N, C-alpha and C. Protein backbone atom coordinates (compact mmCIF):
# COMPACT_ATOMS: atom_id res chain seq x y z
N MET A 1 3.54 -21.80 5.30
CA MET A 1 4.31 -21.46 4.68
C MET A 1 4.56 -20.17 3.69
N GLY A 2 3.76 -19.38 3.31
CA GLY A 2 3.86 -18.29 2.65
C GLY A 2 4.93 -17.86 3.35
N LEU A 3 5.32 -17.58 4.35
CA LEU A 3 6.67 -16.63 5.09
C LEU A 3 8.01 -17.95 4.54
N VAL A 4 7.48 -19.11 4.37
CA VAL A 4 8.88 -19.85 3.23
C VAL A 4 8.82 -19.38 1.97
N ARG A 5 7.55 -19.36 1.18
CA ARG A 5 7.49 -19.06 -0.37
C ARG A 5 7.97 -16.91 -0.25
N MET A 6 7.61 -16.67 0.87
CA MET A 6 8.00 -15.38 0.26
C MET A 6 8.84 -15.33 -0.56
N PRO A 7 10.19 -14.80 0.43
CA PRO A 7 12.09 -14.59 -0.17
C PRO A 7 11.97 -14.99 -1.82
N VAL A 8 11.42 -16.05 -2.79
CA VAL A 8 11.66 -16.98 -3.61
C VAL A 8 10.81 -16.55 -4.81
N PHE A 9 9.09 -15.84 -3.63
CA PHE A 9 8.36 -15.06 -4.22
C PHE A 9 8.86 -13.68 -4.44
N LYS A 10 9.19 -12.85 -3.44
CA LYS A 10 10.22 -11.70 -4.24
C LYS A 10 11.61 -11.19 -4.75
N GLN A 11 11.80 -12.94 -5.18
CA GLN A 11 12.60 -12.53 -6.49
C GLN A 11 12.42 -13.42 -7.69
N THR A 12 11.43 -14.23 -8.24
CA THR A 12 10.88 -14.05 -9.23
C THR A 12 9.38 -13.09 -9.78
N ARG A 13 8.89 -12.68 -8.90
CA ARG A 13 7.51 -12.43 -9.34
C ARG A 13 7.53 -10.50 -9.65
N PHE A 14 8.20 -10.64 -8.43
CA PHE A 14 8.93 -8.86 -8.33
C PHE A 14 10.36 -8.68 -8.93
N TRP A 15 10.60 -9.40 -9.00
CA TRP A 15 11.84 -9.27 -10.16
C TRP A 15 11.38 -8.82 -11.81
N ARG A 16 11.06 -10.21 -12.20
CA ARG A 16 9.76 -9.53 -13.20
C ARG A 16 8.90 -8.53 -13.79
N ALA A 17 8.58 -7.81 -12.83
CA ALA A 17 7.07 -6.92 -12.82
C ALA A 17 8.21 -6.00 -12.49
N LYS A 18 9.57 -5.86 -12.11
CA LYS A 18 10.83 -4.05 -12.10
C LYS A 18 10.26 -4.48 -13.10
N ILE A 19 11.39 -5.54 -13.80
CA ILE A 19 11.89 -5.66 -15.51
C ILE A 19 11.15 -4.75 -16.59
N ALA A 20 10.42 -5.29 -16.30
CA ALA A 20 8.62 -4.90 -17.23
C ALA A 20 8.30 -3.82 -17.40
N ARG A 21 8.68 -2.91 -16.14
CA ARG A 21 8.42 -2.08 -15.64
C ARG A 21 9.16 -1.43 -16.37
N ASN A 22 10.50 -1.18 -16.15
CA ASN A 22 11.02 -0.44 -16.55
C ASN A 22 12.12 -0.63 -17.90
N LEU A 23 11.69 -1.60 -18.89
CA LEU A 23 10.28 -1.31 -20.52
C LEU A 23 10.58 -0.42 -20.32
N LEU A 24 8.94 -0.65 -20.20
CA LEU A 24 8.22 0.14 -20.22
C LEU A 24 8.48 1.62 -20.13
N ARG A 25 9.11 1.51 -19.69
CA ARG A 25 9.56 3.19 -19.59
C ARG A 25 10.21 3.66 -20.80
N LEU A 26 9.73 3.08 -22.30
CA LEU A 26 10.79 3.30 -23.09
C LEU A 26 9.64 4.67 -23.94
N SER A 27 8.58 3.63 -23.80
CA SER A 27 7.29 4.91 -24.53
C SER A 27 7.60 6.21 -23.26
N PRO A 28 6.74 6.88 -24.33
CA PRO A 28 5.84 8.03 -23.03
C PRO A 28 5.29 7.68 -22.49
N ALA A 29 3.73 7.10 -23.35
CA ALA A 29 2.09 6.68 -22.99
C ALA A 29 2.35 5.84 -21.66
N ALA A 30 3.05 5.02 -21.90
CA ALA A 30 4.44 4.23 -20.82
C ALA A 30 3.90 4.72 -19.31
N MET A 31 4.94 5.26 -19.27
CA MET A 31 5.63 6.31 -18.73
C MET A 31 4.30 7.70 -17.91
N TYR A 32 3.28 7.57 -18.79
CA TYR A 32 2.48 8.15 -18.65
C TYR A 32 1.64 7.75 -17.68
N ASP A 33 1.77 6.57 -18.40
CA ASP A 33 1.06 4.92 -17.61
C ASP A 33 1.26 4.66 -15.84
N LEU A 34 2.11 4.54 -16.22
CA LEU A 34 3.33 4.62 -14.94
C LEU A 34 3.09 5.90 -13.76
N ALA A 35 3.56 7.02 -14.79
CA ALA A 35 2.96 7.77 -12.94
C ALA A 35 2.08 7.97 -13.17
N THR A 36 0.76 8.04 -13.47
CA THR A 36 -0.86 7.44 -13.73
C THR A 36 -0.99 6.53 -12.27
N GLN A 37 -0.62 5.20 -12.06
CA GLN A 37 -0.20 4.19 -11.40
C GLN A 37 0.13 4.65 -10.47
N ALA A 38 1.20 5.14 -10.00
CA ALA A 38 2.39 5.29 -9.00
C ALA A 38 1.54 6.40 -7.39
N TRP A 39 0.44 7.51 -9.08
CA TRP A 39 0.09 8.86 -7.96
C TRP A 39 -1.37 8.37 -7.40
N ALA A 40 -1.40 7.27 -8.16
CA ALA A 40 -3.36 7.01 -7.58
C ALA A 40 -2.80 5.47 -6.23
N GLY A 41 -2.16 5.58 -6.13
CA GLY A 41 -0.75 4.12 -5.47
C GLY A 41 -2.01 2.70 -6.18
N THR A 42 -1.89 2.59 -7.17
CA THR A 42 -2.30 1.47 -7.29
C THR A 42 -0.63 0.36 -8.47
N ASP A 43 0.22 1.12 -8.44
CA ASP A 43 1.59 0.69 -8.72
C ASP A 43 2.02 -0.60 -7.84
N LEU A 44 3.28 -1.15 -8.29
CA LEU A 44 3.59 -2.23 -7.50
C LEU A 44 4.06 -1.83 -6.49
N TYR A 45 4.16 -0.95 -5.96
CA TYR A 45 4.11 -0.75 -4.54
C TYR A 45 3.00 -0.21 -4.14
N GLY A 46 2.26 0.05 -4.41
CA GLY A 46 1.07 -0.18 -4.14
C GLY A 46 -0.05 -1.61 -3.36
N VAL A 47 0.05 -2.54 -4.46
CA VAL A 47 -0.14 -3.55 -4.84
C VAL A 47 0.49 -4.59 -3.59
N THR A 48 1.63 -4.16 -2.90
CA THR A 48 3.01 -4.95 -2.46
C THR A 48 2.65 -4.84 -0.77
N ASP A 49 2.18 -3.37 -1.05
CA ASP A 49 1.79 -2.97 0.77
C ASP A 49 0.18 -3.28 0.60
N PHE A 50 -0.33 -4.24 -0.36
CA PHE A 50 -1.54 -4.33 0.09
C PHE A 50 -1.78 -5.62 0.25
N PHE A 51 -0.98 -6.38 -0.01
CA PHE A 51 -0.40 -7.98 0.37
C PHE A 51 0.51 -7.97 1.41
N GLU A 52 1.28 -6.78 1.98
CA GLU A 52 1.28 -6.78 3.22
C GLU A 52 0.32 -6.88 4.19
N ASP A 53 -0.55 -5.45 4.33
CA ASP A 53 -0.48 -6.15 4.73
C ASP A 53 -2.53 -7.02 5.13
N ALA A 54 -3.00 -7.21 4.10
CA ALA A 54 -3.33 -8.57 3.60
C ALA A 54 -2.99 -9.81 4.81
N ARG A 55 -1.62 -9.81 4.47
CA ARG A 55 -0.18 -10.63 5.88
C ARG A 55 -0.23 -11.25 6.40
N GLN A 56 -0.53 -9.66 6.92
CA GLN A 56 -0.58 -9.12 8.31
C GLN A 56 -2.17 -9.61 9.43
N TYR A 57 -3.46 -9.23 8.25
CA TYR A 57 -4.56 -9.37 8.78
C TYR A 57 -5.35 -11.03 8.98
N ARG A 58 -3.98 -11.44 7.85
CA ARG A 58 -4.31 -13.02 8.57
C ARG A 58 -3.54 -13.81 9.06
N ARG A 59 -2.47 -13.18 9.89
CA ARG A 59 -1.77 -13.69 11.20
C ARG A 59 -2.37 -13.66 12.10
N THR A 60 -3.76 -11.85 12.14
CA THR A 60 -3.87 -10.92 13.51
C THR A 60 -5.25 -12.92 13.18
N LEU A 61 -6.14 -12.96 12.16
CA LEU A 61 -7.18 -14.08 12.02
C LEU A 61 -6.38 -14.88 12.82
N ILE A 62 -5.99 -15.17 12.23
CA ILE A 62 -5.22 -17.04 12.72
C ILE A 62 -4.95 -16.59 14.63
N ASP A 63 -4.68 -15.77 15.10
CA ASP A 63 -4.14 -16.06 15.89
C ASP A 63 -5.18 -15.65 16.33
N TYR A 64 -6.30 -14.73 16.68
CA TYR A 64 -7.87 -14.83 17.09
C TYR A 64 -8.06 -16.19 17.15
N PHE A 65 -8.70 -17.08 16.33
CA PHE A 65 -9.13 -17.99 15.98
C PHE A 65 -7.57 -19.35 16.88
N TYR A 66 -6.86 -19.06 17.64
CA TYR A 66 -6.21 -19.46 18.60
C TYR A 66 -6.94 -19.08 20.17
N ASP A 67 -6.14 -18.06 20.16
CA ASP A 67 -6.78 -17.22 21.03
C ASP A 67 -8.60 -17.48 21.54
N LYS A 68 -9.98 -18.09 20.75
CA LYS A 68 -10.94 -17.93 20.78
C LYS A 68 -10.92 -20.11 20.98
N ASP A 69 -9.95 -20.64 20.87
CA ASP A 69 -10.28 -22.09 20.39
C ASP A 69 -11.12 -23.14 19.92
N ALA A 70 -10.81 -22.28 17.96
CA ALA A 70 -12.31 -22.05 17.52
C ALA A 70 -11.44 -23.91 16.68
N PHE A 71 -10.21 -23.90 16.43
CA PHE A 71 -9.72 -25.25 16.11
C PHE A 71 -10.21 -26.63 17.49
N SER A 72 -10.39 -26.23 17.65
CA SER A 72 -10.78 -27.02 18.20
C SER A 72 -12.56 -28.33 19.59
N SER A 73 -13.27 -26.46 19.19
CA SER A 73 -14.18 -26.80 18.50
C SER A 73 -15.65 -26.81 17.88
N ARG A 74 -16.22 -27.98 17.94
CA ARG A 74 -17.80 -28.54 16.86
C ARG A 74 -17.63 -27.34 16.57
N GLN A 75 -17.86 -26.95 17.92
CA GLN A 75 -19.23 -25.02 17.73
C GLN A 75 -19.09 -24.17 16.21
N TRP A 76 -17.24 -23.92 15.83
CA TRP A 76 -17.30 -23.23 14.90
C TRP A 76 -17.64 -23.97 12.74
N PHE A 77 -17.73 -25.25 13.31
CA PHE A 77 -18.02 -26.24 12.32
C PHE A 77 -19.15 -26.79 11.77
N ALA A 78 -19.98 -26.91 12.63
CA ALA A 78 -21.57 -27.13 12.48
C ALA A 78 -22.44 -26.46 13.51
N SER A 79 -23.22 -25.85 12.69
CA SER A 79 -24.51 -25.90 13.72
C SER A 79 -25.55 -26.39 13.92
N ASP A 80 -25.37 -27.04 15.00
CA ASP A 80 -25.96 -27.41 15.86
C ASP A 80 -25.87 -27.03 16.90
N LYS A 81 -24.30 -26.58 17.02
CA LYS A 81 -24.51 -25.74 18.79
C LYS A 81 -24.67 -25.07 19.02
N GLY A 82 -25.01 -23.48 17.77
CA GLY A 82 -25.98 -23.55 17.62
C GLY A 82 -25.04 -21.75 17.32
N PRO A 83 -25.40 -20.41 17.46
CA PRO A 83 -24.67 -19.71 16.87
C PRO A 83 -23.35 -19.79 17.48
N ILE A 84 -22.31 -18.50 16.68
CA ILE A 84 -21.13 -18.09 16.93
C ILE A 84 -20.88 -17.29 16.65
N ASN A 85 -20.33 -16.22 18.50
CA ASN A 85 -20.56 -14.15 18.49
C ASN A 85 -18.93 -14.40 17.46
N LEU A 86 -19.57 -13.57 16.35
CA LEU A 86 -18.51 -12.83 15.86
C LEU A 86 -18.78 -11.79 15.41
N ASP A 87 -18.54 -10.99 16.30
CA ASP A 87 -18.90 -9.52 16.94
C ASP A 87 -17.69 -9.12 17.60
N ASP A 88 -16.55 -9.11 18.19
CA ASP A 88 -14.81 -9.33 18.04
C ASP A 88 -14.53 -9.81 17.35
N LEU A 89 -14.76 -9.94 15.96
CA LEU A 89 -14.29 -10.29 15.67
C LEU A 89 -12.20 -9.60 14.81
N PRO A 90 -11.10 -9.68 14.06
CA PRO A 90 -10.67 -8.11 14.08
C PRO A 90 -11.56 -8.22 12.64
N ARG A 91 -11.32 -6.90 12.23
CA ARG A 91 -11.95 -6.14 10.80
C ARG A 91 -10.29 -6.22 9.95
N PHE A 92 -10.31 -6.34 8.42
CA PHE A 92 -9.12 -5.82 7.68
C PHE A 92 -9.70 -3.80 7.60
N VAL A 93 -8.18 -3.88 7.95
CA VAL A 93 -8.41 -2.52 7.56
C VAL A 93 -7.18 -1.76 7.17
N TYR A 94 -7.55 -1.60 5.28
CA TYR A 94 -6.36 -1.03 4.48
C TYR A 94 -5.58 0.17 4.20
N GLN A 95 -4.52 1.02 5.13
CA GLN A 95 -4.52 2.66 4.33
C GLN A 95 -3.62 2.68 3.58
N ARG A 96 -4.20 3.56 2.66
CA ARG A 96 -3.76 3.06 2.02
C ARG A 96 -2.53 4.43 1.52
N ALA A 97 -1.37 4.27 1.74
CA ALA A 97 0.41 4.82 1.42
C ALA A 97 -1.01 6.88 1.13
N SER A 98 0.23 7.78 1.75
CA SER A 98 -0.23 9.05 1.83
C SER A 98 0.29 9.71 0.07
N LEU A 99 0.31 10.35 0.09
CA LEU A 99 -0.52 11.25 -1.02
C LEU A 99 1.04 11.70 -0.79
N TRP A 100 1.87 12.59 -0.35
CA TRP A 100 3.25 12.61 -0.18
C TRP A 100 3.91 11.13 -0.65
N THR A 101 3.75 9.67 -0.42
CA THR A 101 4.40 8.64 -0.48
C THR A 101 4.54 8.70 -2.02
N ASN A 102 2.60 8.61 -2.34
CA ASN A 102 2.55 8.42 -4.18
C ASN A 102 3.69 9.62 -4.70
N ALA A 103 3.22 10.52 -4.45
CA ALA A 103 3.98 11.55 -4.79
C ALA A 103 5.44 11.41 -4.80
N SER A 104 5.96 11.31 -4.62
CA SER A 104 7.55 10.32 -4.65
C SER A 104 8.01 9.17 -5.52
N ARG A 105 6.25 8.69 -5.43
CA ARG A 105 6.88 7.61 -6.26
C ARG A 105 6.97 7.16 -7.48
N ALA A 106 5.87 8.47 -7.91
CA ALA A 106 5.45 9.04 -8.99
C ALA A 106 6.33 10.31 -10.25
N LEU A 107 7.39 10.63 -9.24
CA LEU A 107 8.29 12.09 -9.59
C LEU A 107 9.24 11.49 -10.81
N PRO A 108 9.83 9.95 -10.50
CA PRO A 108 10.98 10.02 -11.56
C PRO A 108 9.96 9.13 -13.12
N ASP A 109 8.89 9.13 -13.19
CA ASP A 109 8.16 8.54 -14.23
C ASP A 109 7.80 10.24 -14.50
N LEU A 110 6.91 11.03 -14.14
CA LEU A 110 7.77 12.46 -14.55
C LEU A 110 8.31 13.37 -14.89
N GLN A 111 9.68 12.90 -13.78
CA GLN A 111 10.98 13.90 -13.85
C GLN A 111 11.50 13.16 -15.56
N LEU A 112 10.98 12.20 -16.37
CA LEU A 112 11.27 11.64 -17.01
C LEU A 112 10.58 11.59 -18.31
N LEU A 113 9.27 11.74 -18.18
CA LEU A 113 8.18 11.85 -18.91
C LEU A 113 9.45 13.62 -18.77
N LEU A 114 8.73 15.01 -18.58
CA LEU A 114 9.51 16.55 -18.34
C LEU A 114 11.47 16.39 -19.15
N LEU A 115 11.71 15.19 -19.51
CA LEU A 115 13.42 15.77 -20.20
C LEU A 115 13.00 14.93 -21.35
N LEU A 116 11.53 14.15 -21.41
CA LEU A 116 11.87 13.42 -22.60
C LEU A 116 11.12 14.73 -23.30
N ASN A 117 10.32 15.70 -23.02
CA ASN A 117 9.98 16.36 -23.75
C ASN A 117 10.36 17.47 -24.16
N VAL A 118 11.37 17.59 -23.41
CA VAL A 118 11.99 19.44 -23.30
C VAL A 118 13.21 18.17 -24.51
N LEU A 119 14.05 17.46 -24.59
CA LEU A 119 14.48 17.13 -25.31
C LEU A 119 13.61 16.87 -26.80
N LEU A 120 12.84 16.26 -27.24
CA LEU A 120 11.98 16.24 -28.35
C LEU A 120 11.23 17.56 -28.49
N PHE A 121 10.64 18.65 -27.93
CA PHE A 121 11.34 19.62 -28.52
C PHE A 121 12.54 20.85 -28.98
N LEU A 122 13.42 20.67 -28.19
CA LEU A 122 14.98 20.73 -28.96
C LEU A 122 14.54 20.23 -30.44
N THR A 123 14.54 18.95 -30.41
CA THR A 123 15.63 18.31 -31.50
C THR A 123 14.10 18.61 -32.36
N THR A 124 12.80 19.03 -32.29
CA THR A 124 12.47 19.56 -33.34
C THR A 124 12.69 20.87 -33.60
N PHE A 125 13.02 21.65 -33.15
CA PHE A 125 13.53 23.04 -32.81
C PHE A 125 14.36 23.16 -34.42
N ALA A 126 15.58 22.30 -33.62
CA ALA A 126 16.73 22.20 -34.41
C ALA A 126 16.64 21.75 -35.61
N ILE A 127 16.23 20.60 -36.11
CA ILE A 127 15.26 20.48 -37.07
C ILE A 127 14.37 21.24 -38.10
N PHE A 128 13.56 22.35 -37.46
CA PHE A 128 12.63 23.19 -37.77
C PHE A 128 13.72 23.85 -38.52
N VAL A 129 15.02 24.47 -37.73
CA VAL A 129 15.88 25.52 -37.87
C VAL A 129 16.71 25.65 -39.04
N ARG A 130 17.02 24.45 -38.73
CA ARG A 130 18.27 23.92 -40.36
C ARG A 130 17.04 24.64 -42.19
N GLN A 131 15.26 24.00 -41.47
CA GLN A 131 14.77 23.71 -42.51
C GLN A 131 14.89 25.36 -43.39
N GLU A 132 15.09 25.46 -44.68
CA GLU A 132 14.48 26.97 -45.49
C GLU A 132 12.80 26.77 -46.43
N ILE A 133 13.09 27.85 -46.11
CA ILE A 133 11.27 28.62 -45.79
C ILE A 133 11.78 29.22 -47.54
């Protein structure tokens, strides 16, 4: 079901989030926040990476249950057939994106912040030069 809904979900949910993120770039504090999120890997791309890994684990877990024939055995649903050995159950391991990937995701916001600082400094300097002291 998730594979059927995924294209629609990407078109609506992520599209809205990207528009909101771009509107947030009008504020220097929000740009700093977006750059920090990207650097830490907790931005929209980091969350998307996590969801993709979780989706792959879900598929692995379902395949494991089918291989063990768990859905046709009463042992998996009732305790009267004895305990279940879960030692070979696949583990979920999330590998975060590398530091360089996160840095490259944060770079556009950092560049915008630097450009904004230079523009504000030049504007302030131009106003200061025109004033009589």
